């Protein structure tokens, strides 16, 4: 029997009325276009939620929602640009490398991976979300190292000058925690644009001098790289901080506010948030050797790892010599001919995957194969030592200090260049979804 037409009409009318009365759930939308990629409104909302939660737990005041949204969008833009660059050069963090990083993090926290997974869940994040967030963090760190490291040159003369300076004056025994606000100016600015930026910088300076919360002001007004962190740079010795900071901090004390200082990027306002004596009087160094195999179109990831698995088995069984294998197979031009020897170094000079693996090894132990941005490695920890970082200063540490300073400067230059060359369109929050 066919249903009554009147019943069908009444049913549809009732359904439509419920649809009209039901709460309208907004659909996700494209908030920003960045070259060929996009940022969704849900991504912005997620980061805003995280920033507010972190600020709440730290009892940190935040600026207006609009100012905070602007900073979050800028951070997402810069992240997406770097991830796009990683895609272009074929930098991808595989599951093997990710699993190993997670294992290393768990060890550092004295947890098993299962315990760590449970802890992440208790903090309100799914395991898959955590993995993808960590994959992105590793990718960002490695693309920065790949792109910025090649822009940096440290000359023997620079090293000698720093060693001589420290021998004459002593290693600076102060580390500064810096607050930084950048009022940006466009490249080749007009006199009017320059004047407006200068006036804005002076307005911001007066606000912080009059007692406004520096971190809140930085989040609202700064175009600097640490804006979303309240403009805060972690503790740095003057020899490793960006030159601009080092040049104005002579004799500075906690609470001092300096600026505005003009540079090519704009007007800078700097506050000394804290100053302390160097906490680390000794540097932990390691002596190690490794074998590097680089995957290629001919040699797959799996085959590269399998080669190193075989080498590890042979070395542990006494059927092969580490140095001989390194000389024959390692694709590290600096150490291969020396039997894989890397000499003494602070582990922090190596890429994260390499440093984490070294830190987890016992003396004499050979690692399982692991992946870094350079390729697949095995590494053997030969010795550890503590080196006096105050009374004795060597060229290795001078190189590290100069490199870190230049890295911070060149990283910002690279990010600025990448952003200026990108197509970016931010759609208004009230953009018509129709």
Protein backbone atom coordinates (compact mmCIF):
# COMPACT_ATOMS: atom_id res chain seq x y z
CA UNK A 1 0.00 0.00 0.00
CA UNK A 2 1.34 3.42 -0.96
CA UNK A 3 1.80 5.93 1.88
CA UNK A 4 -0.62 8.83 2.08
CA UNK A 5 0.60 11.98 0.28
CA UNK A 6 -0.69 14.14 3.16
CA UNK A 7 1.34 12.09 5.65
CA UNK A 8 4.48 12.49 3.58
CA UNK A 9 3.95 16.25 3.32
CA UNK A 10 3.34 16.53 7.07
CA UNK A 11 6.50 14.49 7.83
CA UNK A 12 8.65 16.65 5.54
CA UNK A 13 7.21 19.84 7.06
CA UNK A 14 8.01 18.59 10.56
CA UNK A 15 11.55 17.61 9.53
CA UNK A 16 12.14 21.02 7.94
CA UNK A 17 10.88 22.81 11.04
CA UNK A 18 13.32 20.83 13.20
CA UNK A 19 16.13 21.69 10.77
CA UNK A 20 15.35 25.40 11.03
CA UNK A 21 15.11 25.29 14.83
CA UNK A 22 18.28 23.21 15.28
CA UNK A 23 21.49 25.01 16.19
CA UNK A 24 23.44 25.92 13.06
CA UNK A 25 26.90 24.40 13.21
CA UNK A 26 29.40 26.49 11.23
CA UNK A 27 31.39 24.60 8.64
CA UNK A 28 35.18 24.81 8.52
CA UNK A 29 36.55 27.29 6.02
CA UNK A 30 39.76 28.42 4.37
CA UNK A 31 41.19 31.24 6.49
CA UNK A 32 44.53 31.81 4.74
CA UNK A 33 46.00 30.89 1.38
CA UNK A 34 49.78 30.44 1.34
CA UNK A 35 51.15 29.75 -2.14
CA UNK A 36 49.45 26.48 -3.12
CA UNK A 37 48.54 25.63 0.48
CA UNK A 38 45.85 26.73 2.92
CA UNK A 39 45.23 27.24 6.63
CA UNK A 40 41.78 26.27 7.91
CA UNK A 41 39.79 28.20 10.49
CA UNK A 42 39.85 25.08 12.68
CA UNK A 43 43.67 25.22 12.79
CA UNK A 44 43.58 28.82 13.99
CA UNK A 45 40.96 27.97 16.59
CA UNK A 46 43.02 25.02 17.81
CA UNK A 47 46.18 27.06 18.25
CA UNK A 48 44.26 29.88 19.94
CA UNK A 49 42.86 27.37 22.40
CA UNK A 50 46.34 26.01 23.13
CA UNK A 51 47.90 29.46 23.59
CA UNK A 52 45.10 30.53 25.95
CA UNK A 53 45.39 27.31 27.96
CA UNK A 54 49.17 27.74 28.30
CA UNK A 55 48.75 31.40 29.30
CA UNK A 56 46.14 30.46 31.87
CA UNK A 57 48.36 27.80 33.46
CA UNK A 58 51.24 30.32 33.59
CA UNK A 59 48.98 33.14 34.90
CA UNK A 60 50.05 35.19 31.85
CA UNK A 61 47.82 38.04 30.68
CA UNK A 62 46.96 38.06 26.96
CA UNK A 63 46.07 40.88 24.58
CA UNK A 64 42.75 41.17 22.77
CA UNK A 65 41.43 38.17 20.86
CA UNK A 66 42.03 40.02 17.58
CA UNK A 67 45.68 40.76 18.40
CA UNK A 68 46.21 37.18 19.51
CA UNK A 69 44.53 35.86 16.37
CA UNK A 70 46.88 37.98 14.23
CA UNK A 71 49.95 36.47 15.93
CA UNK A 72 48.59 32.94 15.63
CA UNK A 73 47.91 33.42 11.92
CA UNK A 74 51.45 34.73 11.42
CA UNK A 75 52.92 31.72 13.22
CA UNK A 76 50.84 29.33 11.10
CA UNK A 77 51.90 31.15 7.92
CA UNK A 78 55.59 30.82 8.78
CA UNK A 79 55.17 27.17 9.77
CA UNK A 80 53.34 26.37 6.53
CA UNK A 81 55.99 28.13 4.41
CA UNK A 82 58.73 26.05 6.02
CA UNK A 83 56.76 22.83 5.57
CA UNK A 84 56.22 23.69 1.91
CA UNK A 85 59.98 24.17 1.52
CA UNK A 86 60.55 20.78 3.17
CA UNK A 87 58.15 19.19 0.66
CA UNK A 88 59.94 20.84 -2.26
CA UNK A 89 63.32 19.44 -1.29
CA UNK A 90 61.88 16.03 -0.41
CA UNK A 91 62.44 16.26 3.34
CA UNK A 92 60.00 13.87 5.00
CA UNK A 93 60.23 12.40 8.47
CA UNK A 94 59.34 8.71 8.17
CA UNK A 95 57.70 6.58 10.82
CA UNK A 96 60.99 4.83 11.66
CA UNK A 97 62.69 8.12 12.51
CA UNK A 98 59.61 9.36 14.35
CA UNK A 99 59.34 6.17 16.42
CA UNK A 100 62.98 6.46 17.37
CA UNK A 101 62.60 10.10 18.43
CA UNK A 102 59.59 9.17 20.57
CA UNK A 103 61.59 6.36 22.16
CA UNK A 104 64.42 8.79 22.96
CA UNK A 105 62.00 11.32 24.47
CA UNK A 106 60.44 8.62 26.61
CA UNK A 107 63.88 7.53 27.86
CA UNK A 108 64.76 11.13 28.79
CA UNK A 109 61.57 11.25 30.89
CA UNK A 110 62.27 7.83 32.44
CA UNK A 111 59.10 6.45 30.86
CA UNK A 112 58.26 3.60 28.55
CA UNK A 113 56.58 4.51 25.26
CA UNK A 114 53.30 3.04 26.58
CA UNK A 115 53.54 5.17 29.73
CA UNK A 116 54.26 8.21 27.61
CA UNK A 117 51.24 7.46 25.41
CA UNK A 118 49.07 7.27 28.53
CA UNK A 119 50.48 10.57 29.82
CA UNK A 120 49.78 12.31 26.50
CA UNK A 121 46.18 11.04 26.62
CA UNK A 122 45.75 12.40 30.16
CA UNK A 123 46.84 15.82 28.88
CA UNK A 124 43.97 15.79 26.39
CA UNK A 125 45.84 14.99 23.16
CA UNK A 126 45.40 11.86 21.08
CA UNK A 127 48.48 9.79 20.31
CA UNK A 128 48.08 10.34 16.57
CA UNK A 129 47.87 14.12 17.12
CA UNK A 130 51.03 14.02 19.24
CA UNK A 131 52.90 12.02 16.61
CA UNK A 132 51.98 14.41 13.82
CA UNK A 133 52.82 17.45 15.94
CA UNK A 134 56.21 15.95 16.76
CA UNK A 135 56.77 15.04 13.09
CA UNK A 136 56.17 18.69 12.21
CA UNK A 137 58.53 19.94 14.93
CA UNK A 138 61.31 17.63 13.72
CA UNK A 139 60.72 18.72 10.13
CA UNK A 140 60.88 22.41 11.06
CA UNK A 141 64.13 21.92 12.96
CA UNK A 142 65.75 20.03 10.11
CA UNK A 143 64.60 22.34 7.30
CA UNK A 144 65.95 25.29 9.27
CA UNK A 145 69.31 23.58 9.70
CA UNK A 146 69.49 22.54 6.05
CA UNK A 147 68.56 25.97 4.67
CA UNK A 148 70.31 28.20 7.20
CA UNK A 149 73.50 26.28 7.89
CA UNK A 150 74.71 26.68 4.32
CA UNK A 151 74.34 30.47 4.64
CA UNK A 152 76.77 30.59 7.57
CA UNK A 153 80.53 30.78 7.34
CA UNK A 154 82.74 31.06 10.40
CA UNK A 155 86.25 32.10 9.48
CA UNK A 156 89.39 31.04 11.38
CA UNK A 157 90.03 34.73 12.03
CA UNK A 158 86.66 35.13 13.77
CA UNK A 159 87.38 32.12 15.96
CA UNK A 160 90.87 33.33 16.85
CA UNK A 161 89.56 36.80 17.68
CA UNK A 162 86.92 35.41 20.04
CA UNK A 163 89.36 33.03 21.74
CA UNK A 164 91.81 35.90 22.22
CA UNK A 165 89.10 38.21 23.54
CA UNK A 166 87.91 35.65 26.08
CA UNK A 167 91.46 34.83 27.16
CA UNK A 168 92.11 38.54 27.73
CA UNK A 169 88.81 39.46 29.37
CA UNK A 170 87.60 36.15 30.71
CA UNK A 171 84.43 34.38 29.61
CA UNK A 172 81.42 36.60 30.29
CA UNK A 173 79.89 35.16 33.44
CA UNK A 174 76.42 36.53 32.77
CA UNK A 175 73.52 35.08 30.82
CA UNK A 176 70.61 37.34 29.93
CA UNK A 177 66.96 36.49 29.45
CA UNK A 178 65.79 39.04 26.90
CA UNK A 179 62.36 40.40 26.08
CA UNK A 180 62.15 41.65 22.49
CA UNK A 181 59.57 43.64 20.56
CA UNK A 182 60.03 44.42 16.87
CA UNK A 183 58.01 47.13 15.16
CA UNK A 184 58.46 46.07 11.56
CA UNK A 185 59.07 48.38 8.60
CA UNK A 186 58.68 47.29 4.97
CA UNK A 187 61.75 46.89 2.78
CA UNK A 188 62.64 50.20 1.11
CA UNK A 189 60.10 52.11 3.23
CA UNK A 190 58.80 55.54 2.35
CA UNK A 191 59.60 58.37 4.75
CA UNK A 192 55.95 58.34 5.80
CA UNK A 193 55.99 54.60 6.58
CA UNK A 194 59.24 55.02 8.49
CA UNK A 195 57.80 57.87 10.51
CA UNK A 196 54.65 55.90 11.38
CA UNK A 197 56.72 52.90 12.49
CA UNK A 198 58.93 55.15 14.60
CA UNK A 199 55.91 56.75 16.27
CA UNK A 200 54.40 53.35 16.96
CA UNK A 201 57.67 52.12 18.46
CA UNK A 202 57.82 55.13 20.78
CA UNK A 203 54.19 54.53 21.81
CA UNK A 204 54.94 50.88 22.62
CA UNK A 205 58.11 51.90 24.48
CA UNK A 206 56.16 54.35 26.66
CA UNK A 207 53.58 51.67 27.46
CA UNK A 208 56.17 49.21 28.75
CA UNK A 209 58.06 51.99 30.57
CA UNK A 210 54.79 52.95 32.27
CA UNK A 211 54.41 49.42 33.56
CA UNK A 212 52.35 47.55 30.95
CA UNK A 213 53.06 43.81 30.97
CA UNK A 214 55.94 43.30 28.52
CA UNK A 215 54.92 39.82 27.41
CA UNK A 216 51.33 40.84 26.78
CA UNK A 217 52.52 43.90 24.82
CA UNK A 218 54.89 41.77 22.74
CA UNK A 219 52.13 39.34 21.81
CA UNK A 220 49.93 42.25 20.75
CA UNK A 221 52.48 44.43 18.95
CA UNK A 222 55.68 42.58 18.02
CA UNK A 223 56.59 41.25 14.59
CA UNK A 224 59.61 39.45 16.04
CA UNK A 225 60.23 35.69 15.88
CA UNK A 226 59.31 35.12 19.55
CA UNK A 227 56.17 37.28 19.55
CA UNK A 228 53.77 34.46 20.43
CA UNK A 229 56.02 33.54 23.36
CA UNK A 230 55.72 37.07 24.72
CA UNK A 231 58.93 38.15 22.98
CA UNK A 232 61.03 36.09 25.40
CA UNK A 233 64.42 34.71 24.31
CA UNK A 234 65.86 32.12 26.66
CA UNK A 235 69.06 32.72 28.59
CA UNK A 236 72.01 33.55 26.35
CA UNK A 237 75.61 34.57 26.82
CA UNK A 238 76.51 37.79 24.97
CA UNK A 239 78.83 35.86 22.67
CA UNK A 240 76.03 33.69 21.29
CA UNK A 241 73.11 36.11 21.16
CA UNK A 242 72.21 38.11 18.01
CA UNK A 243 74.67 40.95 17.46
CA UNK A 244 71.96 43.59 17.88
CA UNK A 245 71.25 42.37 21.43
CA UNK A 246 74.91 41.99 22.38
CA UNK A 247 75.82 45.51 21.25
CA UNK A 248 73.35 47.21 23.61
CA UNK A 249 73.62 45.02 26.70
CA UNK A 250 76.97 46.23 28.02
CA UNK A 251 76.44 46.99 31.71
CA UNK A 252 72.69 46.29 31.48
CA UNK A 253 70.86 45.01 34.55
CA UNK A 254 67.55 43.29 35.20
CA UNK A 255 64.59 45.52 34.42
CA UNK A 256 66.43 47.82 31.99
CA UNK A 257 64.45 48.76 28.87
CA UNK A 258 66.46 49.74 25.82
CA UNK A 259 65.26 51.27 22.56
CA UNK A 260 63.86 51.89 20.12
CA UNK A 261 66.89 50.69 18.15
CA UNK A 262 66.71 50.96 14.37
CA UNK A 263 67.82 48.10 12.12
CA UNK A 264 66.98 47.01 8.61
CA UNK A 265 64.03 45.02 9.97
CA UNK A 266 62.49 47.88 11.93
CA UNK A 267 62.55 49.33 15.43
CA UNK A 268 63.53 47.09 18.36
CA UNK A 269 62.65 47.43 22.03
CA UNK A 270 64.63 45.23 24.41
CA UNK A 271 64.02 44.52 28.07
CA UNK A 272 66.38 42.63 30.36
CA UNK A 273 63.94 40.25 32.03
CA UNK A 274 66.62 38.49 34.06
CA UNK A 275 70.38 38.19 34.38
CA UNK A 276 72.24 35.38 36.08
CA UNK A 277 75.70 33.93 36.45
CA UNK A 278 76.43 31.07 34.08
CA UNK A 279 74.83 27.97 35.54
CA UNK A 280 77.03 25.51 33.69
CA UNK A 281 80.70 25.69 34.58
CA UNK A 282 81.54 22.52 32.67
CA UNK A 283 80.66 21.31 29.18
CA UNK A 284 79.84 17.64 28.56
CA UNK A 285 81.64 16.45 25.45
CA UNK A 286 81.60 13.10 23.66
CA UNK A 287 84.01 11.30 21.40
CA UNK A 288 82.21 9.18 18.81
CA UNK A 289 82.37 7.61 15.38
CA UNK A 290 79.68 6.81 12.86
CA UNK A 291 78.82 5.34 9.50
CA UNK A 292 76.45 7.25 7.22
CA UNK A 293 74.48 5.72 4.36
CA UNK A 294 72.42 8.10 2.23
CA UNK A 295 69.24 6.80 0.55
CA UNK A 296 68.89 7.63 -3.14
CA UNK A 297 66.70 6.71 -6.13
CA UNK A 298 68.93 3.65 -6.47
CA UNK A 299 69.24 2.82 -2.75
CA UNK A 300 65.89 2.75 -0.94
CA UNK A 301 65.34 3.70 2.71
CA UNK A 302 64.76 0.05 3.57
CA UNK A 303 67.95 -1.15 1.86
CA UNK A 304 70.03 1.60 3.48
CA UNK A 305 68.77 0.59 6.92
CA UNK A 306 69.28 -3.11 6.12
CA UNK A 307 72.94 -2.44 5.23
CA UNK A 308 73.51 -0.86 8.62
CA UNK A 309 71.62 -3.64 10.41
CA UNK A 310 74.06 -6.07 8.81
CA UNK A 311 77.07 -3.93 9.82
CA UNK A 312 75.89 -3.80 13.44
CA UNK A 313 75.52 -7.58 13.56
CA UNK A 314 78.98 -8.08 12.03
CA UNK A 315 80.69 -5.61 14.40
CA UNK A 316 79.01 -7.02 17.51
CA UNK A 317 79.91 -10.58 16.46
CA UNK A 318 83.54 -9.56 15.90
CA UNK A 319 83.35 -10.40 12.19
CA UNK A 320 83.99 -6.83 11.01
CA UNK A 321 85.84 -3.71 12.17
CA UNK A 322 83.88 -0.47 12.63
CA UNK A 323 86.67 1.72 11.26
CA UNK A 324 87.21 -0.49 8.20
CA UNK A 325 83.49 -0.46 7.38
CA UNK A 326 83.38 3.32 7.80
CA UNK A 327 86.31 3.83 5.44
CA UNK A 328 84.70 1.56 2.84
CA UNK A 329 81.04 2.52 3.05
CA UNK A 330 80.44 5.75 5.00
CA UNK A 331 79.22 8.66 2.89
CA UNK A 332 80.29 11.32 5.38
CA UNK A 333 83.19 13.02 3.54
CA UNK A 334 84.53 14.53 6.76
CA UNK A 335 84.83 11.37 8.84
CA UNK A 336 84.67 8.40 6.46
CA UNK A 337 88.35 8.42 5.57
CA UNK A 338 89.20 8.62 9.29
CA UNK A 339 87.30 5.45 10.12
CA UNK A 340 84.18 7.38 11.03
CA UNK A 341 85.90 9.33 13.82
CA UNK A 342 84.11 12.57 14.74
CA UNK A 343 86.46 13.62 17.55
CA UNK A 344 85.42 15.49 20.69
CA UNK A 345 82.31 17.66 20.52
CA UNK A 346 79.37 18.97 22.51
CA UNK A 347 76.48 16.72 21.34
CA UNK A 348 74.30 19.79 20.78
CA UNK A 349 76.30 20.65 17.65
CA UNK A 350 74.78 17.62 15.92
CA UNK A 351 71.28 17.38 14.43
CA UNK A 352 68.66 16.35 17.04
CA UNK A 353 68.30 12.70 16.00
CA UNK A 354 72.08 12.22 16.20
CA UNK A 355 72.44 14.07 19.52
CA UNK A 356 69.53 12.17 21.10
CA UNK A 357 70.97 8.83 20.04
CA UNK A 358 74.42 9.71 21.39
CA UNK A 359 72.99 10.85 24.72
CA UNK A 360 71.20 7.51 25.15
CA UNK A 361 74.33 5.35 24.59
CA UNK A 362 76.70 3.85 27.12
CA UNK A 363 80.46 4.12 26.52
CA UNK A 364 81.48 1.57 23.89
CA UNK A 365 77.87 0.91 22.83
CA UNK A 366 76.86 0.90 19.15
CA UNK A 367 73.44 2.23 18.29
CA UNK A 368 70.80 0.59 16.21
CA UNK A 369 70.40 2.21 12.76
CA UNK A 370 68.60 5.55 12.95
CA UNK A 371 67.51 8.21 10.48
CA UNK A 372 68.51 11.88 10.54
CA UNK A 373 68.17 14.60 7.94
CA UNK A 374 71.53 13.45 6.51
CA UNK A 375 70.57 9.80 6.03
CA UNK A 376 70.85 6.53 7.97
CA UNK A 377 73.53 6.19 10.66
CA UNK A 378 75.00 3.90 13.20
CA UNK A 379 77.10 5.60 15.87
CA UNK A 380 79.41 4.34 18.57
CA UNK A 381 80.01 6.35 21.73
CA UNK A 382 83.71 6.02 22.54
CA UNK A 383 84.23 8.34 25.52
CA UNK A 384 82.63 11.11 27.57
CA UNK A 385 84.37 13.94 29.40
CA UNK A 386 83.64 17.19 31.18
CA UNK A 387 85.58 20.21 29.97
CA UNK A 388 85.96 23.38 32.02
CA UNK A 389 83.95 26.06 30.25
CA UNK A 390 85.20 28.99 32.27
CA UNK A 391 88.96 28.71 32.83
CA UNK A 392 89.76 26.97 29.58
CA UNK A 393 88.39 28.00 26.24
CA UNK A 394 89.04 26.23 22.97
CA UNK A 395 88.39 26.85 19.30
CA UNK A 396 85.54 24.31 19.18
CA UNK A 397 83.44 26.25 21.66
CA UNK A 398 84.38 29.57 20.04
CA UNK A 399 83.08 28.16 16.75
CA UNK A 400 79.88 26.99 18.46
CA UNK A 401 79.19 30.42 20.01
CA UNK A 402 79.78 32.27 16.74
CA UNK A 403 77.74 29.72 14.80
CA UNK A 404 74.76 29.99 17.16
CA UNK A 405 74.80 33.78 16.98
CA UNK A 406 74.94 33.75 13.19
CA UNK A 407 72.32 31.01 13.02
CA UNK A 408 69.77 33.11 14.91
CA UNK A 409 70.45 36.08 12.64
CA UNK A 410 70.42 34.12 9.38
CA UNK A 411 67.33 32.12 10.37
CA UNK A 412 65.34 35.33 10.65
CA UNK A 413 66.75 36.62 7.35
CA UNK A 414 65.78 33.38 5.61
CA UNK A 415 62.26 33.43 7.05
CA UNK A 416 61.81 37.08 6.03
CA UNK A 417 62.99 36.35 2.48
CA UNK A 418 60.71 33.33 2.16
CA UNK A 419 57.71 35.30 3.38
CA UNK A 420 58.37 38.25 1.06
CA UNK A 421 58.49 35.92 -1.96
CA UNK A 422 55.30 34.00 -1.06
CA UNK A 423 51.72 34.57 -2.17
CA UNK A 424 49.71 35.05 1.01
CA UNK A 425 46.06 36.04 1.34
CA UNK A 426 44.28 36.23 4.68
CA UNK A 427 40.51 36.03 4.42
CA UNK A 428 38.39 38.04 6.81
CA UNK A 429 36.95 36.06 9.73
CA UNK A 430 33.44 37.05 8.60
CA UNK A 431 34.09 35.84 5.05
CA UNK A 432 30.87 34.76 3.37
CA UNK A 433 30.70 30.96 3.53
CA UNK A 434 28.04 30.78 0.83
